[in-house]
Amino acid sequence: MDFIFDENFIRKKLKDYNSPDRLAMSHEYFTNSAIVFLILPYKDKPYDLVLIRRTKSKTDKHSGEMSFPGGKFDPVHDKSFLDTALRELEEELGVSKTSINVLGSIDDHLTPKGFIITAFVAYINQDIRIVKEENEVEEVVKIPITFFANKKNYKERTYDLKGDLIGVGKFNYRSAENKKYLIFGATSHIIVNFIDTIYNIGLMTPGCRRINCEDIKDRIIR
């Protein structure tokens, strides 16, 4: 498997946002948000995923963490979760929605802090300029898909919750400049879901699942 970007192959494996086969979460006490699972393709080598390290802030519950560009649904500015994802992408990385090629969606994911994340998979051309918004983005990090697709790089622990096996995973990435990045929680799970959906590698521990709203709603309500 060479992981050279193949638009048609990936598009066929993904789900439509409105597909009944896509896991969609909803709960009155949780905050809906959306991200762009951003792919940067190349002609002669495997594609990169474009992640950000969020600027440290007292008002951001995911301050300093690694994530995809995105944010909370705004009923004033957004008609859909896709609007949210594209608006946040432009705000955080200066990439216009006219430069984005949306391929499809994957399942919703949940953070322990009460955010439901809807992920839209998309790519941009190499010549698109990325300009980070300093107040929100500390660093833009491009990581090869081959790193995430290597089972040796994914660490997952499991625990029992009312008879169900729950998986919690992470990646520890070290760049060519020897900088370390911890990718965990919903961000790592979104990546695993994408890779297992597209390439059927089996990163996730067989028989386990991720947390859902019912698992943590009592803690969020409190």
N, C-alpha and C. Protein backbone atom coordinates (compact mmCIF):
# COMPACT_ATOMS: atom_id res chain seq x y z
N MET A 1 0.85 -1.19 0.00
CA MET A 1 0.00 0.00 0.00
C MET A 1 0.89 1.24 0.00
N ASP A 2 0.81 2.06 -1.06
CA ASP A 2 1.75 3.18 -1.15
C ASP A 2 1.21 4.49 -0.58
N PHE A 3 -0.10 4.57 -0.31
CA PHE A 3 -0.74 5.74 0.30
C PHE A 3 -0.57 7.02 -0.53
N ILE A 4 -0.35 6.85 -1.84
CA ILE A 4 -0.41 8.01 -2.73
C ILE A 4 -1.87 8.44 -2.81
N PHE A 5 -2.12 9.73 -2.77
CA PHE A 5 -3.49 10.23 -2.74
C PHE A 5 -4.27 9.80 -3.97
N ASP A 6 -5.43 9.17 -3.74
CA ASP A 6 -6.32 8.72 -4.79
C ASP A 6 -7.72 9.24 -4.45
N GLU A 7 -8.09 10.35 -5.08
CA GLU A 7 -9.35 11.01 -4.74
C GLU A 7 -10.56 10.10 -4.89
N ASN A 8 -10.66 9.40 -5.99
CA ASN A 8 -11.83 8.55 -6.23
C ASN A 8 -11.90 7.40 -5.24
N PHE A 9 -10.77 6.80 -4.93
CA PHE A 9 -10.72 5.68 -3.98
C PHE A 9 -11.21 6.13 -2.61
N ILE A 10 -10.70 7.26 -2.12
CA ILE A 10 -11.08 7.76 -0.80
C ILE A 10 -12.55 8.19 -0.78
N ARG A 11 -12.96 8.89 -1.82
CA ARG A 11 -14.34 9.39 -1.89
C ARG A 11 -15.35 8.23 -1.81
N LYS A 12 -15.06 7.13 -2.50
CA LYS A 12 -15.97 5.98 -2.51
C LYS A 12 -16.06 5.29 -1.15
N LYS A 13 -15.00 5.39 -0.35
CA LYS A 13 -14.97 4.73 0.95
C LYS A 13 -15.66 5.55 2.05
N LEU A 14 -15.74 6.86 1.84
CA LEU A 14 -16.34 7.74 2.84
C LEU A 14 -17.86 7.71 2.75
N LYS A 15 -18.50 8.27 3.78
CA LYS A 15 -19.96 8.36 3.83
C LYS A 15 -20.41 9.79 3.56
N ASP A 16 -21.60 9.91 3.05
CA ASP A 16 -22.22 11.22 2.94
C ASP A 16 -22.64 11.66 4.34
N TYR A 17 -22.59 12.96 4.59
CA TYR A 17 -22.96 13.47 5.92
C TYR A 17 -24.34 12.98 6.35
N ASN A 18 -25.29 12.92 5.42
CA ASN A 18 -26.66 12.54 5.74
C ASN A 18 -26.93 11.03 5.64
N SER A 19 -25.89 10.25 5.41
CA SER A 19 -26.08 8.82 5.26
C SER A 19 -26.57 8.18 6.56
N PRO A 20 -27.55 7.28 6.50
CA PRO A 20 -28.01 6.59 7.70
C PRO A 20 -26.95 5.65 8.27
N ASP A 21 -25.92 5.35 7.48
CA ASP A 21 -24.84 4.48 7.94
C ASP A 21 -23.78 5.24 8.74
N ARG A 22 -23.85 6.56 8.72
CA ARG A 22 -22.87 7.37 9.45
C ARG A 22 -23.34 7.56 10.89
N LEU A 23 -22.44 7.33 11.86
CA LEU A 23 -22.78 7.52 13.27
C LEU A 23 -22.89 9.02 13.56
N ALA A 24 -24.09 9.48 13.86
CA ALA A 24 -24.33 10.89 14.17
C ALA A 24 -24.80 11.00 15.61
N MET A 25 -24.11 11.82 16.42
CA MET A 25 -24.45 11.99 17.83
C MET A 25 -25.19 13.31 18.04
N SER A 26 -26.08 13.30 19.04
CA SER A 26 -26.81 14.51 19.39
C SER A 26 -27.26 14.42 20.84
N HIS A 27 -27.10 15.51 21.58
CA HIS A 27 -27.54 15.54 22.97
C HIS A 27 -27.66 16.99 23.41
N GLU A 28 -28.72 17.29 24.14
CA GLU A 28 -28.99 18.69 24.50
C GLU A 28 -27.91 19.30 25.39
N TYR A 29 -27.19 18.49 26.14
CA TYR A 29 -26.18 19.02 27.05
C TYR A 29 -24.77 19.06 26.46
N PHE A 30 -24.64 18.63 25.22
CA PHE A 30 -23.33 18.60 24.57
C PHE A 30 -23.21 19.70 23.52
N THR A 31 -22.00 20.10 23.23
CA THR A 31 -21.74 21.18 22.27
C THR A 31 -21.37 20.59 20.92
N ASN A 32 -22.10 20.95 19.89
CA ASN A 32 -21.79 20.48 18.55
C ASN A 32 -20.68 21.31 17.93
N SER A 33 -19.75 20.63 17.30
CA SER A 33 -18.63 21.30 16.63
C SER A 33 -18.31 20.53 15.35
N ALA A 34 -17.49 21.12 14.51
CA ALA A 34 -17.14 20.48 13.24
C ALA A 34 -15.70 20.81 12.87
N ILE A 35 -15.04 19.86 12.22
CA ILE A 35 -13.64 20.04 11.82
C ILE A 35 -13.46 19.65 10.35
N VAL A 36 -12.37 20.13 9.78
CA VAL A 36 -11.94 19.67 8.46
C VAL A 36 -10.78 18.71 8.65
N PHE A 37 -11.00 17.47 8.28
CA PHE A 37 -9.93 16.47 8.26
C PHE A 37 -9.13 16.77 7.01
N LEU A 38 -8.08 17.55 7.16
CA LEU A 38 -7.43 18.20 6.01
C LEU A 38 -6.27 17.38 5.45
N ILE A 39 -6.38 17.04 4.17
CA ILE A 39 -5.38 16.26 3.45
C ILE A 39 -4.59 17.17 2.52
N LEU A 40 -3.26 16.98 2.51
CA LEU A 40 -2.39 17.69 1.57
C LEU A 40 -1.74 16.65 0.66
N PRO A 41 -2.21 16.52 -0.58
CA PRO A 41 -1.71 15.46 -1.46
C PRO A 41 -0.44 15.85 -2.22
N TYR A 42 0.31 14.83 -2.62
CA TYR A 42 1.50 15.00 -3.46
C TYR A 42 1.42 14.01 -4.62
N LYS A 43 2.14 14.28 -5.67
CA LYS A 43 2.10 13.39 -6.84
C LYS A 43 2.96 12.16 -6.66
N ASP A 44 4.08 12.32 -5.96
CA ASP A 44 5.09 11.25 -5.94
C ASP A 44 5.41 10.71 -4.56
N LYS A 45 4.58 11.03 -3.55
CA LYS A 45 4.82 10.49 -2.21
C LYS A 45 3.50 10.50 -1.44
N PRO A 46 3.42 9.74 -0.34
CA PRO A 46 2.18 9.69 0.44
C PRO A 46 1.75 11.08 0.92
N TYR A 47 0.46 11.24 1.05
CA TYR A 47 -0.08 12.55 1.45
C TYR A 47 0.11 12.81 2.94
N ASP A 48 0.01 14.08 3.29
CA ASP A 48 0.10 14.51 4.69
C ASP A 48 -1.29 14.81 5.22
N LEU A 49 -1.43 14.73 6.54
CA LEU A 49 -2.57 15.30 7.24
C LEU A 49 -2.11 16.61 7.86
N VAL A 50 -2.95 17.63 7.76
CA VAL A 50 -2.61 18.95 8.29
C VAL A 50 -3.33 19.15 9.62
N LEU A 51 -2.55 19.18 10.70
CA LEU A 51 -3.09 19.39 12.04
C LEU A 51 -2.59 20.72 12.59
N ILE A 52 -3.21 21.15 13.67
CA ILE A 52 -2.75 22.37 14.33
C ILE A 52 -2.52 22.09 15.81
N ARG A 53 -1.59 22.85 16.38
CA ARG A 53 -1.48 22.89 17.83
C ARG A 53 -2.17 24.17 18.27
N ARG A 54 -3.18 24.03 19.09
CA ARG A 54 -3.97 25.18 19.49
C ARG A 54 -3.18 26.08 20.43
N THR A 55 -3.34 27.38 20.26
CA THR A 55 -2.70 28.35 21.15
C THR A 55 -3.25 28.18 22.56
N LYS A 56 -2.39 28.29 23.55
CA LYS A 56 -2.83 28.15 24.94
C LYS A 56 -3.71 29.34 25.33
N SER A 57 -4.87 29.00 25.89
CA SER A 57 -5.84 30.03 26.25
C SER A 57 -6.70 29.54 27.40
N LYS A 58 -7.02 30.44 28.32
CA LYS A 58 -7.85 30.07 29.47
C LYS A 58 -9.30 29.83 29.08
N THR A 59 -9.70 30.35 27.93
CA THR A 59 -11.10 30.22 27.50
C THR A 59 -11.33 29.02 26.57
N ASP A 60 -10.26 28.34 26.19
CA ASP A 60 -10.36 27.20 25.28
C ASP A 60 -10.19 25.90 26.06
N LYS A 61 -11.24 25.07 26.07
CA LYS A 61 -11.18 23.81 26.82
C LYS A 61 -10.16 22.84 26.25
N HIS A 62 -9.76 23.03 24.98
CA HIS A 62 -8.78 22.15 24.36
C HIS A 62 -7.48 22.92 24.07
N SER A 63 -7.21 23.90 24.91
CA SER A 63 -6.04 24.75 24.78
C SER A 63 -4.75 23.94 24.73
N GLY A 64 -3.88 24.27 23.76
CA GLY A 64 -2.58 23.64 23.65
C GLY A 64 -2.58 22.26 23.04
N GLU A 65 -3.75 21.72 22.73
CA GLU A 65 -3.83 20.36 22.20
C GLU A 65 -3.66 20.33 20.68
N MET A 66 -3.35 19.14 20.18
CA MET A 66 -3.29 18.91 18.74
C MET A 66 -4.69 18.59 18.23
N SER A 67 -5.06 19.20 17.12
CA SER A 67 -6.40 18.97 16.58
C SER A 67 -6.41 19.27 15.09
N PHE A 68 -7.55 19.06 14.47
CA PHE A 68 -7.78 19.53 13.12
C PHE A 68 -8.41 20.90 13.19
N PRO A 69 -8.27 21.72 12.15
CA PRO A 69 -8.92 23.03 12.16
C PRO A 69 -10.43 22.87 12.28
N GLY A 70 -11.04 23.66 13.16
CA GLY A 70 -12.48 23.56 13.36
C GLY A 70 -12.89 24.25 14.64
N GLY A 71 -14.17 24.17 14.95
CA GLY A 71 -14.66 24.82 16.16
C GLY A 71 -16.14 24.60 16.36
N LYS A 72 -16.73 25.38 17.26
CA LYS A 72 -18.12 25.21 17.66
C LYS A 72 -19.10 25.72 16.59
N PHE A 73 -20.22 25.03 16.49
CA PHE A 73 -21.30 25.46 15.61
C PHE A 73 -21.85 26.78 16.12
N ASP A 74 -22.01 27.74 15.21
CA ASP A 74 -22.53 29.06 15.54
C ASP A 74 -23.85 29.25 14.78
N PRO A 75 -24.99 29.21 15.49
CA PRO A 75 -26.28 29.32 14.81
C PRO A 75 -26.50 30.66 14.10
N VAL A 76 -25.73 31.66 14.47
CA VAL A 76 -25.85 32.97 13.83
C VAL A 76 -25.18 32.98 12.45
N HIS A 77 -24.00 32.35 12.36
CA HIS A 77 -23.21 32.39 11.13
C HIS A 77 -23.30 31.12 10.29
N ASP A 78 -23.71 30.01 10.90
CA ASP A 78 -23.66 28.72 10.22
C ASP A 78 -25.05 28.14 9.97
N LYS A 79 -25.29 27.70 8.75
CA LYS A 79 -26.53 27.01 8.43
C LYS A 79 -26.37 25.49 8.59
N SER A 80 -25.13 25.02 8.61
CA SER A 80 -24.86 23.59 8.71
C SER A 80 -23.53 23.39 9.40
N PHE A 81 -23.23 22.13 9.77
CA PHE A 81 -21.93 21.82 10.37
C PHE A 81 -20.80 21.99 9.36
N LEU A 82 -21.10 21.77 8.08
CA LEU A 82 -20.09 22.01 7.05
C LEU A 82 -19.73 23.49 7.00
N ASP A 83 -20.72 24.35 7.15
CA ASP A 83 -20.45 25.79 7.23
C ASP A 83 -19.49 26.09 8.38
N THR A 84 -19.74 25.43 9.52
CA THR A 84 -18.88 25.61 10.69
C THR A 84 -17.44 25.23 10.38
N ALA A 85 -17.27 24.04 9.81
CA ALA A 85 -15.93 23.53 9.52
C ALA A 85 -15.18 24.45 8.55
N LEU A 86 -15.85 24.88 7.49
CA LEU A 86 -15.19 25.72 6.48
C LEU A 86 -14.93 27.12 7.02
N ARG A 87 -15.85 27.65 7.81
CA ARG A 87 -15.63 28.98 8.41
C ARG A 87 -14.43 28.96 9.34
N GLU A 88 -14.36 27.94 10.19
CA GLU A 88 -13.24 27.84 11.13
C GLU A 88 -11.92 27.61 10.41
N LEU A 89 -11.95 26.84 9.33
CA LEU A 89 -10.73 26.60 8.56
C LEU A 89 -10.18 27.92 8.00
N GLU A 90 -11.08 28.75 7.49
CA GLU A 90 -10.63 30.03 6.95
C GLU A 90 -10.14 30.96 8.05
N GLU A 91 -10.81 30.93 9.21
CA GLU A 91 -10.40 31.79 10.32
C GLU A 91 -9.04 31.37 10.88
N GLU A 92 -8.82 30.06 10.99
CA GLU A 92 -7.61 29.56 11.65
C GLU A 92 -6.41 29.46 10.71
N LEU A 93 -6.64 29.08 9.45
CA LEU A 93 -5.52 28.84 8.53
C LEU A 93 -5.57 29.69 7.26
N GLY A 94 -6.56 30.58 7.15
CA GLY A 94 -6.63 31.46 6.00
C GLY A 94 -6.94 30.77 4.69
N VAL A 95 -7.53 29.57 4.76
CA VAL A 95 -7.86 28.81 3.55
C VAL A 95 -9.33 29.04 3.20
N SER A 96 -9.59 29.63 2.05
CA SER A 96 -10.94 29.93 1.63
C SER A 96 -11.71 28.66 1.29
N LYS A 97 -13.01 28.69 1.51
CA LYS A 97 -13.85 27.53 1.18
C LYS A 97 -13.85 27.24 -0.32
N THR A 98 -13.50 28.23 -1.13
CA THR A 98 -13.43 27.99 -2.58
C THR A 98 -12.19 27.17 -2.95
N SER A 99 -11.26 27.02 -2.01
CA SER A 99 -10.03 26.25 -2.26
C SER A 99 -10.13 24.83 -1.74
N ILE A 100 -11.25 24.50 -1.12
CA ILE A 100 -11.42 23.21 -0.46
C ILE A 100 -12.20 22.24 -1.34
N ASN A 101 -11.73 21.01 -1.39
CA ASN A 101 -12.43 19.94 -2.10
C ASN A 101 -12.92 18.92 -1.06
N VAL A 102 -14.21 18.94 -0.78
CA VAL A 102 -14.78 18.05 0.24
C VAL A 102 -15.04 16.68 -0.37
N LEU A 103 -14.56 15.63 0.31
CA LEU A 103 -14.67 14.26 -0.19
C LEU A 103 -15.81 13.48 0.46
N GLY A 104 -16.14 13.81 1.68
CA GLY A 104 -17.17 13.08 2.40
C GLY A 104 -17.00 13.24 3.90
N SER A 105 -17.65 12.37 4.66
CA SER A 105 -17.63 12.45 6.12
C SER A 105 -17.28 11.10 6.74
N ILE A 106 -16.94 11.16 8.03
CA ILE A 106 -16.80 9.94 8.82
C ILE A 106 -17.69 10.08 10.05
N ASP A 107 -17.67 9.11 10.93
CA ASP A 107 -18.54 9.11 12.10
C ASP A 107 -18.24 10.29 13.02
N ASP A 108 -19.28 10.73 13.74
CA ASP A 108 -19.08 11.73 14.79
C ASP A 108 -18.24 11.13 15.92
N HIS A 109 -17.49 12.00 16.58
CA HIS A 109 -16.70 11.58 17.73
C HIS A 109 -16.96 12.52 18.89
N LEU A 110 -16.68 12.03 20.10
CA LEU A 110 -17.01 12.76 21.32
C LEU A 110 -15.75 13.01 22.14
N THR A 111 -15.66 14.21 22.73
CA THR A 111 -14.57 14.47 23.67
C THR A 111 -15.11 14.33 25.08
N PRO A 112 -14.26 13.95 26.03
CA PRO A 112 -14.72 13.83 27.43
C PRO A 112 -15.18 15.16 28.02
N LYS A 113 -14.84 16.27 27.34
CA LYS A 113 -15.25 17.59 27.82
C LYS A 113 -16.60 18.02 27.25
N GLY A 114 -17.26 17.10 26.53
CA GLY A 114 -18.63 17.36 26.12
C GLY A 114 -18.81 17.98 24.75
N PHE A 115 -17.86 17.78 23.85
CA PHE A 115 -17.98 18.27 22.49
C PHE A 115 -18.25 17.12 21.52
N ILE A 116 -19.29 17.24 20.72
CA ILE A 116 -19.54 16.29 19.64
C ILE A 116 -18.89 16.86 18.38
N ILE A 117 -17.99 16.07 17.77
CA ILE A 117 -17.22 16.55 16.62
C ILE A 117 -17.68 15.85 15.35
N THR A 118 -18.13 16.64 14.39
CA THR A 118 -18.46 16.14 13.06
C THR A 118 -17.28 16.43 12.13
N ALA A 119 -16.77 15.39 11.48
CA ALA A 119 -15.55 15.54 10.66
C ALA A 119 -15.88 15.45 9.17
N PHE A 120 -15.42 16.46 8.44
CA PHE A 120 -15.53 16.47 6.99
C PHE A 120 -14.14 16.29 6.39
N VAL A 121 -13.98 15.27 5.57
CA VAL A 121 -12.69 14.98 4.94
C VAL A 121 -12.57 15.82 3.67
N ALA A 122 -11.44 16.52 3.53
CA ALA A 122 -11.25 17.38 2.37
C ALA A 122 -9.77 17.51 2.06
N TYR A 123 -9.47 18.01 0.87
CA TYR A 123 -8.07 18.25 0.52
C TYR A 123 -7.90 19.61 -0.14
N ILE A 124 -6.67 20.09 -0.09
CA ILE A 124 -6.31 21.33 -0.78
C ILE A 124 -5.11 21.05 -1.67
N ASN A 125 -4.92 21.85 -2.68
CA ASN A 125 -3.77 21.71 -3.56
C ASN A 125 -2.52 22.24 -2.88
N GLN A 126 -1.37 21.77 -3.33
CA GLN A 126 -0.09 22.15 -2.72
C GLN A 126 0.19 23.64 -2.80
N ASP A 127 -0.36 24.31 -3.80
CA ASP A 127 -0.04 25.73 -3.98
C ASP A 127 -0.91 26.65 -3.12
N ILE A 128 -1.83 26.09 -2.35
CA ILE A 128 -2.66 26.91 -1.47
C ILE A 128 -1.85 27.35 -0.26
N ARG A 129 -1.84 28.64 -0.02
CA ARG A 129 -1.05 29.19 1.08
C ARG A 129 -1.81 29.04 2.40
N ILE A 130 -1.11 28.51 3.40
CA ILE A 130 -1.68 28.38 4.74
C ILE A 130 -1.08 29.47 5.62
N VAL A 131 -1.95 30.28 6.23
CA VAL A 131 -1.50 31.37 7.10
C VAL A 131 -2.22 31.23 8.44
N LYS A 132 -1.49 30.87 9.48
CA LYS A 132 -2.13 30.62 10.76
C LYS A 132 -2.58 31.91 11.44
N GLU A 133 -3.69 31.80 12.17
CA GLU A 133 -4.20 32.91 12.97
C GLU A 133 -3.55 32.80 14.34
N GLU A 134 -2.66 33.75 14.65
CA GLU A 134 -1.79 33.63 15.82
C GLU A 134 -2.54 33.47 17.13
N ASN A 135 -3.71 34.07 17.25
CA ASN A 135 -4.45 34.00 18.51
C ASN A 135 -5.07 32.63 18.75
N GLU A 136 -5.23 31.85 17.67
CA GLU A 136 -5.87 30.55 17.82
C GLU A 136 -4.95 29.37 17.52
N VAL A 137 -3.96 29.60 16.68
CA VAL A 137 -3.10 28.50 16.23
C VAL A 137 -1.64 28.80 16.57
N GLU A 138 -1.07 27.96 17.41
CA GLU A 138 0.34 28.11 17.76
C GLU A 138 1.25 27.58 16.66
N GLU A 139 0.82 26.47 16.04
CA GLU A 139 1.68 25.81 15.05
C GLU A 139 0.84 24.97 14.10
N VAL A 140 1.25 24.96 12.83
CA VAL A 140 0.66 24.07 11.82
C VAL A 140 1.62 22.90 11.64
N VAL A 141 1.11 21.68 11.73
CA VAL A 141 1.96 20.49 11.67
C VAL A 141 1.46 19.56 10.58
N LYS A 142 2.34 19.23 9.63
CA LYS A 142 2.00 18.31 8.55
C LYS A 142 2.64 16.95 8.85
N ILE A 143 1.79 15.92 8.94
CA ILE A 143 2.27 14.59 9.34
C ILE A 143 1.88 13.58 8.27
N PRO A 144 2.83 12.78 7.79
CA PRO A 144 2.53 11.80 6.73
C PRO A 144 1.49 10.77 7.18
N ILE A 145 0.59 10.42 6.29
CA ILE A 145 -0.42 9.41 6.59
C ILE A 145 0.23 8.08 6.93
N THR A 146 1.40 7.83 6.39
CA THR A 146 2.08 6.56 6.67
C THR A 146 2.46 6.42 8.13
N PHE A 147 2.70 7.53 8.82
CA PHE A 147 2.99 7.47 10.25
C PHE A 147 1.77 6.94 11.00
N PHE A 148 0.60 7.50 10.70
CA PHE A 148 -0.61 7.10 11.39
C PHE A 148 -1.06 5.69 11.02
N ALA A 149 -0.74 5.25 9.81
CA ALA A 149 -1.18 3.94 9.35
C ALA A 149 -0.29 2.81 9.85
N ASN A 150 0.80 3.14 10.50
CA ASN A 150 1.71 2.14 11.05
C ASN A 150 1.23 1.72 12.44
N LYS A 151 0.85 0.46 12.59
CA LYS A 151 0.30 -0.02 13.86
C LYS A 151 1.24 0.19 15.04
N LYS A 152 2.54 0.19 14.76
CA LYS A 152 3.52 0.35 15.83
C LYS A 152 3.44 1.75 16.47
N ASN A 153 2.88 2.70 15.72
CA ASN A 153 2.84 4.08 16.22
C ASN A 153 1.56 4.41 16.99
N TYR A 154 0.61 3.48 17.02
CA TYR A 154 -0.65 3.73 17.70
C TYR A 154 -0.71 2.92 18.99
N LYS A 155 -0.94 3.60 20.09
CA LYS A 155 -1.03 2.95 21.40
C LYS A 155 -2.45 3.12 21.93
N GLU A 156 -3.09 1.99 22.23
CA GLU A 156 -4.47 2.05 22.71
C GLU A 156 -4.62 1.23 23.98
N ARG A 157 -5.23 1.84 24.98
CA ARG A 157 -5.57 1.09 26.19
C ARG A 157 -7.08 0.91 26.23
N THR A 158 -7.52 -0.13 26.87
CA THR A 158 -8.95 -0.41 26.95
C THR A 158 -9.37 -0.54 28.41
N TYR A 159 -10.63 -0.24 28.66
CA TYR A 159 -11.18 -0.42 29.99
C TYR A 159 -12.65 -0.84 29.88
N ASP A 160 -13.14 -1.46 30.94
CA ASP A 160 -14.51 -1.96 30.95
C ASP A 160 -15.45 -0.89 31.47
N LEU A 161 -16.55 -0.66 30.75
CA LEU A 161 -17.58 0.27 31.17
C LEU A 161 -18.93 -0.41 31.05
N LYS A 162 -19.46 -0.83 32.17
CA LYS A 162 -20.77 -1.48 32.21
C LYS A 162 -20.86 -2.65 31.22
N GLY A 163 -19.78 -3.41 31.15
CA GLY A 163 -19.76 -4.59 30.30
C GLY A 163 -19.27 -4.35 28.88
N ASP A 164 -19.03 -3.08 28.53
CA ASP A 164 -18.50 -2.75 27.21
C ASP A 164 -17.01 -2.46 27.30
N LEU A 165 -16.30 -2.81 26.24
CA LEU A 165 -14.87 -2.52 26.17
C LEU A 165 -14.68 -1.18 25.46
N ILE A 166 -14.10 -0.21 26.16
CA ILE A 166 -13.89 1.13 25.62
C ILE A 166 -12.42 1.30 25.28
N GLY A 167 -12.14 1.82 24.08
CA GLY A 167 -10.77 2.04 23.64
C GLY A 167 -10.40 3.51 23.66
N VAL A 168 -9.22 3.80 24.21
CA VAL A 168 -8.70 5.17 24.26
C VAL A 168 -7.27 5.14 23.70
N GLY A 169 -7.02 5.87 22.63
CA GLY A 169 -5.72 5.75 21.97
C GLY A 169 -4.97 7.06 21.79
N LYS A 170 -3.70 6.92 21.37
CA LYS A 170 -2.87 8.10 21.15
C LYS A 170 -1.74 7.78 20.18
N PHE A 171 -1.19 8.84 19.58
CA PHE A 171 0.01 8.77 18.76
C PHE A 171 1.05 9.72 19.35
N ASN A 172 2.31 9.29 19.36
CA ASN A 172 3.41 10.18 19.72
C ASN A 172 4.27 10.39 18.48
N TYR A 173 4.19 11.59 17.92
CA TYR A 173 4.91 11.87 16.68
C TYR A 173 6.15 12.72 16.96
N ARG A 174 7.26 12.35 16.33
CA ARG A 174 8.50 13.12 16.42
C ARG A 174 8.86 13.58 15.01
N SER A 175 8.97 14.88 14.81
CA SER A 175 9.22 15.44 13.49
C SER A 175 10.69 15.29 13.10
N ALA A 176 10.98 15.64 11.85
CA ALA A 176 12.37 15.59 11.37
C ALA A 176 13.25 16.55 12.15
N GLU A 177 12.63 17.59 12.71
CA GLU A 177 13.37 18.56 13.54
C GLU A 177 13.45 18.14 14.99
N ASN A 178 13.01 16.89 15.27
CA ASN A 178 13.05 16.29 16.60
C ASN A 178 12.07 16.95 17.58
N LYS A 179 10.99 17.55 17.06
CA LYS A 179 9.95 18.08 17.93
C LYS A 179 8.92 16.99 18.20
N LYS A 180 8.40 16.96 19.41
CA LYS A 180 7.47 15.92 19.82
C LYS A 180 6.04 16.45 19.84
N TYR A 181 5.12 15.61 19.37
CA TYR A 181 3.71 15.97 19.35
C TYR A 181 2.88 14.80 19.86
N LEU A 182 2.02 15.07 20.82
CA LEU A 182 1.10 14.06 21.34
C LEU A 182 -0.27 14.29 20.72
N ILE A 183 -0.77 13.29 20.02
CA ILE A 183 -2.08 13.36 19.38
C ILE A 183 -2.96 12.33 20.07
N PHE A 184 -3.98 12.79 20.79
CA PHE A 184 -4.76 11.87 21.61
C PHE A 184 -6.24 12.23 21.55
N GLY A 185 -7.04 11.47 22.31
CA GLY A 185 -8.46 11.77 22.43
C GLY A 185 -9.19 11.68 21.10
N ALA A 186 -10.16 12.56 20.93
CA ALA A 186 -11.01 12.52 19.73
C ALA A 186 -10.20 12.70 18.46
N THR A 187 -9.15 13.51 18.49
CA THR A 187 -8.34 13.73 17.28
C THR A 187 -7.70 12.42 16.83
N SER A 188 -7.11 11.69 17.75
CA SER A 188 -6.51 10.41 17.37
C SER A 188 -7.57 9.41 16.93
N HIS A 189 -8.73 9.44 17.55
CA HIS A 189 -9.80 8.50 17.21
C HIS A 189 -10.38 8.81 15.83
N ILE A 190 -10.47 10.08 15.49
CA ILE A 190 -10.93 10.47 14.15
C ILE A 190 -9.95 9.95 13.09
N ILE A 191 -8.67 10.07 13.37
CA ILE A 191 -7.65 9.58 12.43
C ILE A 191 -7.75 8.06 12.29
N VAL A 192 -7.90 7.35 13.40
CA VAL A 192 -8.02 5.89 13.37
C VAL A 192 -9.27 5.48 12.59
N ASN A 193 -10.38 6.18 12.82
CA ASN A 193 -11.62 5.87 12.11
C ASN A 193 -11.43 6.04 10.61
N PHE A 194 -10.76 7.11 10.22
CA PHE A 194 -10.49 7.36 8.79
C PHE A 194 -9.64 6.24 8.19
N ILE A 195 -8.55 5.90 8.85
CA ILE A 195 -7.63 4.89 8.31
C ILE A 195 -8.29 3.52 8.23
N ASP A 196 -9.04 3.15 9.28
CA ASP A 196 -9.71 1.85 9.25
C ASP A 196 -10.84 1.82 8.22
N THR A 197 -11.48 2.97 8.01
CA THR A 197 -12.55 3.05 7.01
C THR A 197 -11.99 2.95 5.59
N ILE A 198 -10.91 3.67 5.32
CA ILE A 198 -10.37 3.75 3.97
C ILE A 198 -9.49 2.54 3.64
N TYR A 199 -8.66 2.12 4.58
CA TYR A 199 -7.65 1.11 4.27
C TYR A 199 -7.85 -0.22 5.01
N ASN A 200 -8.81 -0.27 5.94
CA ASN A 200 -9.12 -1.52 6.63
C ASN A 200 -7.89 -2.15 7.30
N ILE A 201 -7.12 -1.31 7.96
CA ILE A 201 -5.88 -1.78 8.59
C ILE A 201 -6.16 -2.43 9.96
N GLY A 202 -7.18 -1.96 10.67
CA GLY A 202 -7.50 -2.54 11.96
C GLY A 202 -6.67 -1.98 13.10
N LEU A 203 -6.57 -0.66 13.18
CA LEU A 203 -5.83 -0.04 14.28
C LEU A 203 -6.57 -0.18 15.60
N MET A 204 -7.88 -0.03 15.55
CA MET A 204 -8.68 -0.09 16.77
C MET A 204 -8.75 -1.52 17.30
N THR A 205 -8.66 -1.66 18.61
CA THR A 205 -8.71 -2.98 19.23
C THR A 205 -10.03 -3.68 18.91
N PRO A 206 -9.99 -4.90 18.39
CA PRO A 206 -11.23 -5.62 18.05
C PRO A 206 -12.15 -5.76 19.26
N GLY A 207 -13.43 -5.50 19.04
CA GLY A 207 -14.41 -5.68 20.09
C GLY A 207 -14.62 -4.49 20.99
N CYS A 208 -13.87 -3.41 20.78
CA CYS A 208 -14.04 -2.24 21.63
C CYS A 208 -14.73 -1.11 20.88
N ARG A 209 -15.22 -0.14 21.59
CA ARG A 209 -15.87 1.02 21.00
C ARG A 209 -15.37 2.29 21.67
N ARG A 210 -15.80 3.44 21.14
CA ARG A 210 -15.48 4.73 21.75
C ARG A 210 -16.60 5.13 22.71
N ILE A 211 -16.34 6.15 23.51
CA ILE A 211 -17.38 6.64 24.41
C ILE A 211 -18.48 7.33 23.62
N ASN A 212 -19.68 7.33 24.17
CA ASN A 212 -20.79 8.06 23.56
C ASN A 212 -21.42 8.99 24.59
N CYS A 213 -22.44 9.73 24.19
CA CYS A 213 -23.04 10.73 25.07
C CYS A 213 -23.60 10.13 26.36
N GLU A 214 -24.23 8.97 26.24
CA GLU A 214 -24.83 8.35 27.42
C GLU A 214 -23.78 7.95 28.45
N ASP A 215 -22.58 7.64 27.99
CA ASP A 215 -21.52 7.21 28.91
C ASP A 215 -21.13 8.32 29.89
N ILE A 216 -21.14 9.57 29.43
CA ILE A 216 -20.59 10.66 30.25
C ILE A 216 -21.57 11.79 30.50
N LYS A 217 -22.83 11.62 30.12
CA LYS A 217 -23.78 12.75 30.23
C LYS A 217 -23.96 13.22 31.67
N ASP A 218 -23.96 12.30 32.64
CA ASP A 218 -24.16 12.69 34.04
C ASP A 218 -23.04 13.60 34.51
N ARG A 219 -21.82 13.32 34.09
CA ARG A 219 -20.68 14.16 34.48
C ARG A 219 -20.76 15.53 33.81
N ILE A 220 -21.20 15.56 32.54
CA ILE A 220 -21.29 16.82 31.81
C ILE A 220 -22.39 17.70 32.40
N ILE A 221 -23.53 17.09 32.76
CA ILE A 221 -24.65 17.84 33.33
C ILE A 221 -24.26 18.48 34.66
N ARG A 222 -23.49 17.76 35.44
CA ARG A 222 -23.04 18.32 36.72
C ARG A 222 -22.11 19.51 36.52
